[in-house]
Protein backbone atom coordinates (compact mmCIF):
# COMPACT_ATOMS: atom_id res chain seq x y z
CA MET A 1 -17.72 28.18 36.83
CA ALA A 2 -15.82 25.39 38.25
CA HIS A 3 -12.17 24.78 37.06
CA HIS A 4 -11.11 21.18 36.87
CA ASN A 5 -7.54 20.50 37.16
CA HIS A 6 -6.48 17.86 34.65
CA THR A 7 -2.82 17.02 35.74
CA HIS A 8 -3.04 13.24 35.17
CA HIS A 9 -3.80 12.08 31.57
CA GLU A 10 -4.67 8.47 30.88
CA PRO A 11 -2.78 7.06 27.83
CA ALA A 12 -4.99 6.83 24.90
CA GLU A 13 -6.02 3.33 23.90
CA LEU A 14 -4.59 1.99 20.81
CA SER A 15 -6.60 -0.17 18.36
CA PRO A 16 -5.53 -3.67 18.58
CA ALA A 17 -4.66 -3.52 14.96
CA LEU A 18 -2.44 -0.61 15.53
CA ASP A 19 -0.79 -1.67 18.60
CA PRO A 20 2.73 -2.90 17.80
CA ARG A 21 2.61 -5.22 20.71
CA ASN A 22 0.06 -7.37 19.01
CA HIS A 23 2.45 -8.17 16.08
CA SER A 24 5.88 -9.63 15.88
CA ILE A 25 8.54 -9.10 13.30
CA LYS A 26 7.45 -12.71 12.00
CA ASP A 27 4.09 -11.19 10.98
CA TYR A 28 5.86 -8.94 8.66
CA ILE A 29 8.44 -11.33 7.00
CA PRO A 30 6.45 -11.69 3.78
CA LEU A 31 6.29 -7.99 3.50
CA ILE A 32 10.06 -7.56 4.24
CA VAL A 33 11.03 -10.11 1.66
CA VAL A 34 8.82 -8.49 -1.06
CA VAL A 35 10.19 -5.02 -0.10
CA GLY A 36 13.62 -6.38 -0.42
CA PHE A 37 12.97 -7.78 -3.91
CA ILE A 38 11.62 -4.33 -4.91
CA LEU A 39 14.78 -2.69 -3.72
CA LEU A 40 17.00 -5.15 -5.40
CA SER A 41 15.12 -4.94 -8.63
CA SER A 42 15.29 -1.15 -8.43
CA VAL A 43 19.00 -1.11 -7.90
CA ILE A 44 19.34 -3.28 -11.16
CA TYR A 45 16.90 -1.15 -13.01
CA VAL A 46 18.84 2.11 -12.15
CA VAL A 47 22.10 0.52 -13.04
CA LEU A 48 20.76 -0.21 -16.49
CA VAL A 49 18.83 3.00 -17.17
CA GLY A 50 20.90 5.65 -15.31
CA ASN A 51 21.00 6.86 -11.73
CA THR A 52 18.49 9.78 -11.48
CA LEU A 53 15.81 10.53 -8.93
CA LEU A 54 13.18 9.83 -11.66
CA ALA A 55 14.78 6.47 -12.48
CA TRP A 56 14.70 5.37 -8.79
CA LEU A 57 11.10 6.54 -8.42
CA ASN A 58 10.00 4.75 -11.68
CA ALA A 59 11.68 1.53 -10.45
CA ILE A 60 10.40 1.54 -6.93
CA MET A 61 6.73 2.43 -8.12
CA GLY A 62 6.93 -0.05 -11.11
CA PHE A 63 8.19 -3.03 -9.11
CA PHE A 64 5.94 -2.25 -6.11
CA PHE A 65 2.93 -2.40 -8.41
CA LEU A 66 4.26 -5.43 -10.37
CA TYR A 67 5.11 -7.68 -7.35
CA PHE A 68 2.08 -6.74 -5.32
CA ALA A 69 -0.16 -7.60 -8.38
CA LEU A 70 1.84 -10.82 -8.86
CA PHE A 71 0.69 -12.11 -5.44
CA LYS A 72 -2.92 -10.74 -5.84
CA LEU A 73 -3.28 -12.75 -9.13
CA ILE A 74 -2.10 -16.04 -7.68
CA ASP A 75 -5.31 -16.26 -5.86
CA LEU A 76 -7.62 -13.61 -7.52
CA PRO A 77 -10.99 -14.81 -5.89
CA GLY A 78 -9.20 -14.77 -2.53
CA PHE A 79 -7.87 -11.28 -3.06
CA VAL A 80 -11.30 -10.03 -4.27
CA GLU A 81 -12.88 -11.26 -0.96
CA GLY A 82 -10.10 -9.71 1.21
CA TYR A 83 -9.94 -6.39 -0.55
CA HIS A 84 -13.75 -6.10 -0.27
CA GLU A 85 -13.28 -5.79 3.39
CA TYR A 86 -11.46 -2.50 3.50
CA ASP A 87 -11.47 -0.97 -0.01
CA LEU A 88 -14.04 1.86 -0.31
CA ILE A 89 -14.64 1.12 -4.20
CA ALA A 90 -14.62 -2.75 -3.87
CA ARG A 91 -17.20 -2.46 -1.10
CA LYS A 92 -19.56 -0.72 -3.42
CA ILE A 93 -18.44 -2.33 -6.94
CA LYS A 94 -17.33 -5.96 -6.50
CA ALA A 95 -15.73 -5.91 -10.02
CA TRP A 96 -13.23 -3.27 -8.80
CA GLY A 97 -11.38 -6.12 -6.88
CA TRP A 98 -11.38 -8.25 -9.88
CA VAL A 99 -9.85 -5.37 -12.03
CA TYR A 100 -7.55 -3.88 -9.57
CA PRO A 101 -4.56 -6.15 -9.82
CA PHE A 102 -4.64 -5.66 -13.71
CA ILE A 103 -4.55 -1.86 -13.08
CA GLU A 104 -1.48 -2.45 -10.90
CA VAL A 105 0.11 -4.43 -13.76
CA ALA A 106 -0.77 -1.65 -16.15
CA LEU A 107 0.68 1.07 -13.74
CA ALA A 108 3.81 -1.09 -13.22
CA SER A 109 4.44 -1.40 -16.96
CA LEU A 110 3.98 2.35 -17.46
CA TYR A 111 6.45 3.22 -14.68
CA LEU A 112 9.05 0.56 -15.71
CA LEU A 113 8.91 1.81 -19.28
CA ALA A 114 9.61 5.19 -17.95
CA VAL A 115 6.44 6.85 -19.18
CA THR A 116 6.36 10.30 -17.74
CA ASN A 117 2.68 11.30 -17.86
CA LEU A 118 0.74 13.70 -15.71
CA TRP A 119 -2.24 11.18 -15.83
CA LEU A 120 -0.14 8.29 -14.63
CA TYR A 121 0.70 10.29 -11.48
CA ILE A 122 -2.67 11.45 -10.77
CA ILE A 123 -4.25 8.01 -11.26
CA THR A 124 -1.60 6.68 -8.84
CA ILE A 125 -2.32 9.54 -6.32
CA ILE A 126 -6.06 8.79 -6.42
CA ILE A 127 -5.79 5.15 -6.07
CA THR A 128 -3.39 5.35 -3.19
CA ALA A 129 -5.46 7.92 -1.52
CA ILE A 130 -8.56 5.62 -1.73
CA ASN A 131 -6.46 2.85 -0.27
CA VAL A 132 -5.30 5.00 2.59
CA LEU A 133 -8.74 6.20 3.46
CA GLY A 134 -10.25 2.69 3.34
CA VAL A 135 -7.45 1.25 5.52
CA SER A 136 -7.72 4.18 7.95
CA ILE A 137 -11.44 3.66 8.37
CA LYS A 138 -11.06 -0.02 9.01
CA LEU A 139 -8.23 0.54 11.44
CA ALA A 140 -10.42 3.15 13.24
CA LYS A 141 -12.99 0.59 13.84
CA LYS A 142 -10.35 -1.37 15.82
CA GLU A 143 -10.99 -4.51 13.63
CA LYS A 144 -8.07 -6.82 13.25
CA PHE A 145 -7.77 -8.62 9.83
CA MET A 146 -5.17 -9.48 7.09
CA CYS A 147 -4.22 -7.12 4.41
CA ALA A 148 -5.15 -8.15 0.96
CA CYS A 149 -1.99 -6.22 -0.51
CA LEU A 150 -0.03 -9.34 -0.98
CA GLY A 151 -3.08 -11.43 -1.85
CA THR A 152 -4.02 -14.55 0.09
CA VAL A 153 -0.65 -16.41 -0.61
CA LEU A 154 1.28 -14.13 1.94
CA LYS A 155 -0.38 -13.25 5.24
CA VAL A 156 0.43 -9.75 6.58
CA PRO A 157 -1.70 -8.01 9.16
CA LEU A 158 -3.36 -4.74 8.07
CA THR A 159 -1.80 -2.20 10.29
CA THR A 160 -0.14 1.32 10.21
CA VAL A 161 2.40 -0.34 7.93
CA THR A 162 -0.32 -0.55 5.24
CA LEU A 163 -0.93 3.13 5.74
CA ILE A 164 2.76 4.08 5.39
CA GLU A 165 3.20 1.90 2.40
CA TYR A 166 0.18 3.48 0.38
CA GLY A 167 1.02 6.90 1.85
CA LEU A 168 4.54 6.63 0.50
CA MET A 169 3.58 5.50 -2.95
CA GLY A 170 1.01 8.42 -3.10
CA ALA A 171 3.87 10.75 -1.99
CA MET A 172 6.27 9.53 -4.67
CA ALA A 173 3.62 10.16 -7.32
CA VAL A 174 3.24 13.62 -6.05
CA VAL A 175 7.00 14.27 -6.22
CA MET A 176 6.93 12.79 -9.73
CA LEU A 177 4.50 15.50 -10.74
CA PHE A 178 7.06 18.06 -10.19
CA LEU A 179 10.06 16.47 -11.92
């Protein structure tokens, strides 16, 4: 039995969509601005309703869904086409892309009204998990394209940033299950 000495490892090749060298900070300015508004709105919300972990999570989740839905609804047909590229449900059922921003508005409303409901958190976890899976599959194929998360009005590349964004939303919903 021959023994092969593997002392030199070649670096793993990154997908162009995952490689941070293919994107500059300018590519993310729209996302940074929206996240800034989410954080500012959350601070105002928490000042008004009380500084608790649940209030912070409700604010961040609510404003995330609200602002992201807003940009999708500005050009709903454009969002539907872009979302169809990577969302697992929208690829099979085109109507899902048309309905999804309205689901985000409903989720935003429930979070901002401080509705504490097991089903709200479970639905959020399922939706974010499906988004993470769809984005992961698209990135694994090394395809480079724009994220539909901010609709077509603001152009943001689909990268690991999108995975982190959806992953954090799902993680926050999991935390809320136990509060």
